[in-house]
Amino acid sequence: MNQKELSTLTDEALLQEVKKSKTTVIFDAAIIGVLIGISVFSIVKKGFGLLSLLPLIYIPIATRNRKYQKALEKLLKERNLK
């Protein structure tokens, strides 16, 4: 969803999106932690390789999710729901 679509949501739908996005933040943190663990293990066992760069693949996805979260927080603040 982009900013324009977020602004058309009702208050209840916006609050539901915030709940979903909180789950996404936790999921992103868990995935990044696992990917960093895999990367460190790969570096220790075999040196640098393809698995060493694995966390770099997920960073753009996590960044996009974080921008979405910030847009939701901004909209909540504008509507005085938080």
N, C-alpha and C. Protein backbone atom coordinates (compact mmCIF):
# COMPACT_ATOMS: atom_id res chain seq x y z
N MET A 1 0.85 -1.19 0.00
CA MET A 1 0.00 0.00 0.00
C MET A 1 0.88 1.24 0.00
N ASN A 2 0.47 2.20 -0.74
CA ASN A 2 1.21 3.45 -0.72
C ASN A 2 0.51 4.45 0.19
N GLN A 3 1.09 5.62 0.30
CA GLN A 3 0.57 6.65 1.23
C GLN A 3 -0.85 7.04 0.87
N LYS A 4 -1.15 7.13 -0.42
CA LYS A 4 -2.49 7.53 -0.84
C LYS A 4 -3.53 6.50 -0.42
N GLU A 5 -3.19 5.22 -0.56
CA GLU A 5 -4.12 4.17 -0.16
C GLU A 5 -4.29 4.11 1.36
N LEU A 6 -3.22 4.40 2.08
CA LEU A 6 -3.31 4.40 3.54
C LEU A 6 -4.25 5.48 4.05
N SER A 7 -4.24 6.61 3.40
CA SER A 7 -5.07 7.72 3.86
C SER A 7 -6.56 7.46 3.62
N THR A 8 -6.89 6.52 2.75
CA THR A 8 -8.30 6.21 2.50
C THR A 8 -8.86 5.17 3.46
N LEU A 9 -8.01 4.59 4.28
CA LEU A 9 -8.46 3.57 5.23
C LEU A 9 -9.27 4.20 6.36
N THR A 10 -10.23 3.44 6.85
CA THR A 10 -10.98 3.88 8.02
C THR A 10 -10.09 3.71 9.24
N ASP A 11 -10.52 4.27 10.36
CA ASP A 11 -9.73 4.17 11.59
C ASP A 11 -9.55 2.72 12.02
N GLU A 12 -10.61 1.92 11.92
CA GLU A 12 -10.53 0.52 12.32
C GLU A 12 -9.57 -0.25 11.42
N ALA A 13 -9.67 -0.02 10.12
CA ALA A 13 -8.78 -0.70 9.18
C ALA A 13 -7.33 -0.27 9.39
N LEU A 14 -7.14 0.99 9.72
CA LEU A 14 -5.79 1.50 9.98
C LEU A 14 -5.20 0.83 11.22
N LEU A 15 -5.98 0.67 12.25
CA LEU A 15 -5.51 0.00 13.46
C LEU A 15 -5.17 -1.47 13.19
N GLN A 16 -5.94 -2.12 12.32
CA GLN A 16 -5.63 -3.49 11.95
C GLN A 16 -4.32 -3.57 11.17
N GLU A 17 -4.09 -2.60 10.29
CA GLU A 17 -2.83 -2.57 9.55
C GLU A 17 -1.64 -2.37 10.48
N VAL A 18 -1.83 -1.59 11.53
CA VAL A 18 -0.76 -1.36 12.50
C VAL A 18 -0.44 -2.67 13.21
N LYS A 19 -1.45 -3.45 13.57
CA LYS A 19 -1.20 -4.74 14.21
C LYS A 19 -0.43 -5.67 13.29
N LYS A 20 -0.80 -5.69 12.01
CA LYS A 20 -0.09 -6.53 11.04
C LYS A 20 1.35 -6.07 10.89
N SER A 21 1.56 -4.78 10.87
CA SER A 21 2.91 -4.27 10.65
C SER A 21 3.81 -4.53 11.86
N LYS A 22 3.25 -4.56 13.05
CA LYS A 22 4.06 -4.90 14.23
C LYS A 22 4.57 -6.33 14.12
N THR A 23 3.72 -7.22 13.64
CA THR A 23 4.14 -8.60 13.41
C THR A 23 5.24 -8.66 12.37
N THR A 24 5.13 -7.84 11.34
CA THR A 24 6.12 -7.81 10.28
C THR A 24 7.47 -7.33 10.80
N VAL A 25 7.47 -6.37 11.69
CA VAL A 25 8.72 -5.86 12.26
C VAL A 25 9.42 -6.97 13.05
N ILE A 26 8.68 -7.71 13.83
CA ILE A 26 9.26 -8.81 14.60
C ILE A 26 9.79 -9.89 13.65
N PHE A 27 9.02 -10.19 12.61
CA PHE A 27 9.42 -11.19 11.63
C PHE A 27 10.69 -10.76 10.90
N ASP A 28 10.76 -9.49 10.52
CA ASP A 28 11.97 -8.97 9.85
C ASP A 28 13.19 -9.11 10.75
N ALA A 29 13.04 -8.78 12.01
CA ALA A 29 14.17 -8.87 12.94
C ALA A 29 14.62 -10.32 13.09
N ALA A 30 13.67 -11.24 13.16
CA ALA A 30 14.02 -12.65 13.30
C ALA A 30 14.73 -13.16 12.05
N ILE A 31 14.23 -12.80 10.89
CA ILE A 31 14.86 -13.26 9.64
C ILE A 31 16.26 -12.69 9.50
N ILE A 32 16.42 -11.42 9.80
CA ILE A 32 17.76 -10.82 9.69
C ILE A 32 18.71 -11.50 10.67
N GLY A 33 18.26 -11.81 11.87
CA GLY A 33 19.09 -12.50 12.84
C GLY A 33 19.51 -13.88 12.34
N VAL A 34 18.56 -14.62 11.78
CA VAL A 34 18.87 -15.95 11.26
C VAL A 34 19.84 -15.84 10.09
N LEU A 35 19.61 -14.88 9.19
CA LEU A 35 20.49 -14.72 8.03
C LEU A 35 21.91 -14.33 8.45
N ILE A 36 22.02 -13.48 9.45
CA ILE A 36 23.35 -13.11 9.95
C ILE A 36 24.02 -14.32 10.59
N GLY A 37 23.26 -15.13 11.30
CA GLY A 37 23.81 -16.35 11.89
C GLY A 37 24.32 -17.31 10.82
N ILE A 38 23.53 -17.49 9.77
CA ILE A 38 23.95 -18.35 8.66
C ILE A 38 25.21 -17.79 8.01
N SER A 39 25.24 -16.48 7.84
CA SER A 39 26.39 -15.84 7.22
C SER A 39 27.66 -16.04 8.05
N VAL A 40 27.56 -15.82 9.35
CA VAL A 40 28.72 -15.99 10.24
C VAL A 40 29.17 -17.44 10.23
N PHE A 41 28.24 -18.37 10.30
CA PHE A 41 28.58 -19.79 10.27
C PHE A 41 29.28 -20.14 8.96
N SER A 42 28.77 -19.61 7.86
CA SER A 42 29.37 -19.87 6.56
C SER A 42 30.79 -19.32 6.48
N ILE A 43 30.98 -18.13 7.01
CA ILE A 43 32.32 -17.51 6.99
C ILE A 43 33.29 -18.32 7.84
N VAL A 44 32.84 -18.78 9.00
CA VAL A 44 33.72 -19.54 9.88
C VAL A 44 34.08 -20.89 9.26
N LYS A 45 33.11 -21.56 8.66
CA LYS A 45 33.35 -22.89 8.13
C LYS A 45 34.08 -22.89 6.78
N LYS A 46 33.65 -22.01 5.86
CA LYS A 46 34.15 -22.09 4.50
C LYS A 46 34.79 -20.81 3.99
N GLY A 47 34.80 -19.77 4.78
CA GLY A 47 35.30 -18.49 4.30
C GLY A 47 34.19 -17.75 3.54
N PHE A 48 34.57 -16.67 2.88
CA PHE A 48 33.57 -15.90 2.15
C PHE A 48 33.02 -16.70 0.98
N GLY A 49 31.72 -16.57 0.78
CA GLY A 49 31.05 -17.26 -0.31
C GLY A 49 29.68 -16.64 -0.53
N LEU A 50 28.85 -17.36 -1.24
CA LEU A 50 27.51 -16.85 -1.55
C LEU A 50 26.67 -16.68 -0.28
N LEU A 51 26.76 -17.62 0.64
CA LEU A 51 25.97 -17.52 1.87
C LEU A 51 26.43 -16.38 2.76
N SER A 52 27.63 -15.91 2.57
CA SER A 52 28.13 -14.79 3.37
C SER A 52 27.39 -13.51 3.04
N LEU A 53 26.89 -13.41 1.83
CA LEU A 53 26.19 -12.20 1.39
C LEU A 53 24.67 -12.32 1.50
N LEU A 54 24.20 -13.40 2.07
CA LEU A 54 22.77 -13.66 2.17
C LEU A 54 21.99 -12.54 2.88
N PRO A 55 22.48 -11.97 3.98
CA PRO A 55 21.71 -10.89 4.63
C PRO A 55 21.52 -9.66 3.73
N LEU A 56 22.42 -9.43 2.81
CA LEU A 56 22.30 -8.28 1.92
C LEU A 56 21.10 -8.38 1.00
N ILE A 57 20.66 -9.59 0.73
CA ILE A 57 19.51 -9.79 -0.15
C ILE A 57 18.23 -9.33 0.53
N TYR A 58 18.13 -9.52 1.83
CA TYR A 58 16.89 -9.21 2.56
C TYR A 58 16.82 -7.76 3.02
N ILE A 59 17.91 -7.06 3.03
CA ILE A 59 17.92 -5.68 3.53
C ILE A 59 16.94 -4.76 2.77
N PRO A 60 16.85 -4.80 1.43
CA PRO A 60 15.87 -3.93 0.76
C PRO A 60 14.42 -4.23 1.15
N ILE A 61 14.12 -5.49 1.38
CA ILE A 61 12.76 -5.86 1.79
C ILE A 61 12.47 -5.30 3.18
N ALA A 62 13.41 -5.46 4.09
CA ALA A 62 13.22 -4.95 5.45
C ALA A 62 13.13 -3.42 5.45
N THR A 63 13.88 -2.77 4.58
CA THR A 63 13.83 -1.31 4.48
C THR A 63 12.47 -0.84 4.00
N ARG A 64 11.93 -1.52 2.99
CA ARG A 64 10.60 -1.17 2.48
C ARG A 64 9.54 -1.38 3.57
N ASN A 65 9.65 -2.47 4.33
CA ASN A 65 8.71 -2.72 5.41
C ASN A 65 8.81 -1.64 6.49
N ARG A 66 10.01 -1.18 6.77
CA ARG A 66 10.20 -0.14 7.79
C ARG A 66 9.60 1.20 7.34
N LYS A 67 9.75 1.52 6.05
CA LYS A 67 9.14 2.75 5.52
C LYS A 67 7.62 2.69 5.63
N TYR A 68 7.06 1.53 5.37
CA TYR A 68 5.62 1.35 5.49
C TYR A 68 5.18 1.53 6.94
N GLN A 69 5.94 0.98 7.86
CA GLN A 69 5.65 1.13 9.29
C GLN A 69 5.68 2.59 9.70
N LYS A 70 6.67 3.33 9.23
CA LYS A 70 6.76 4.76 9.57
C LYS A 70 5.58 5.54 9.00
N ALA A 71 5.15 5.20 7.78
CA ALA A 71 3.99 5.86 7.18
C ALA A 71 2.74 5.59 8.00
N LEU A 72 2.59 4.37 8.49
CA LEU A 72 1.44 4.04 9.35
C LEU A 72 1.48 4.84 10.65
N GLU A 73 2.65 4.92 11.26
CA GLU A 73 2.79 5.67 12.51
C GLU A 73 2.47 7.14 12.31
N LYS A 74 2.91 7.69 11.19
CA LYS A 74 2.64 9.10 10.88
C LYS A 74 1.15 9.33 10.72
N LEU A 75 0.48 8.42 10.02
CA LEU A 75 -0.95 8.56 9.82
C LEU A 75 -1.72 8.40 11.13
N LEU A 76 -1.27 7.50 11.98
CA LEU A 76 -1.90 7.34 13.29
C LEU A 76 -1.78 8.62 14.11
N LYS A 77 -0.60 9.23 14.04
CA LYS A 77 -0.39 10.46 14.78
C LYS A 77 -1.26 11.59 14.25
N GLU A 78 -1.41 11.65 12.92
CA GLU A 78 -2.24 12.69 12.32
C GLU A 78 -3.70 12.54 12.73
N ARG A 79 -4.15 11.30 12.86
CA ARG A 79 -5.55 11.04 13.22
C ARG A 79 -5.77 10.96 14.74
N ASN A 80 -4.71 11.14 15.51
CA ASN A 80 -4.77 11.07 16.97
C ASN A 80 -5.32 9.74 17.46
N LEU A 81 -4.87 8.66 16.84
CA LEU A 81 -5.32 7.32 17.25
C LEU A 81 -4.31 6.66 18.18
N LYS A 82 -3.13 7.19 18.26
CA LYS A 82 -2.11 6.56 19.08
C LYS A 82 -1.88 7.34 20.33
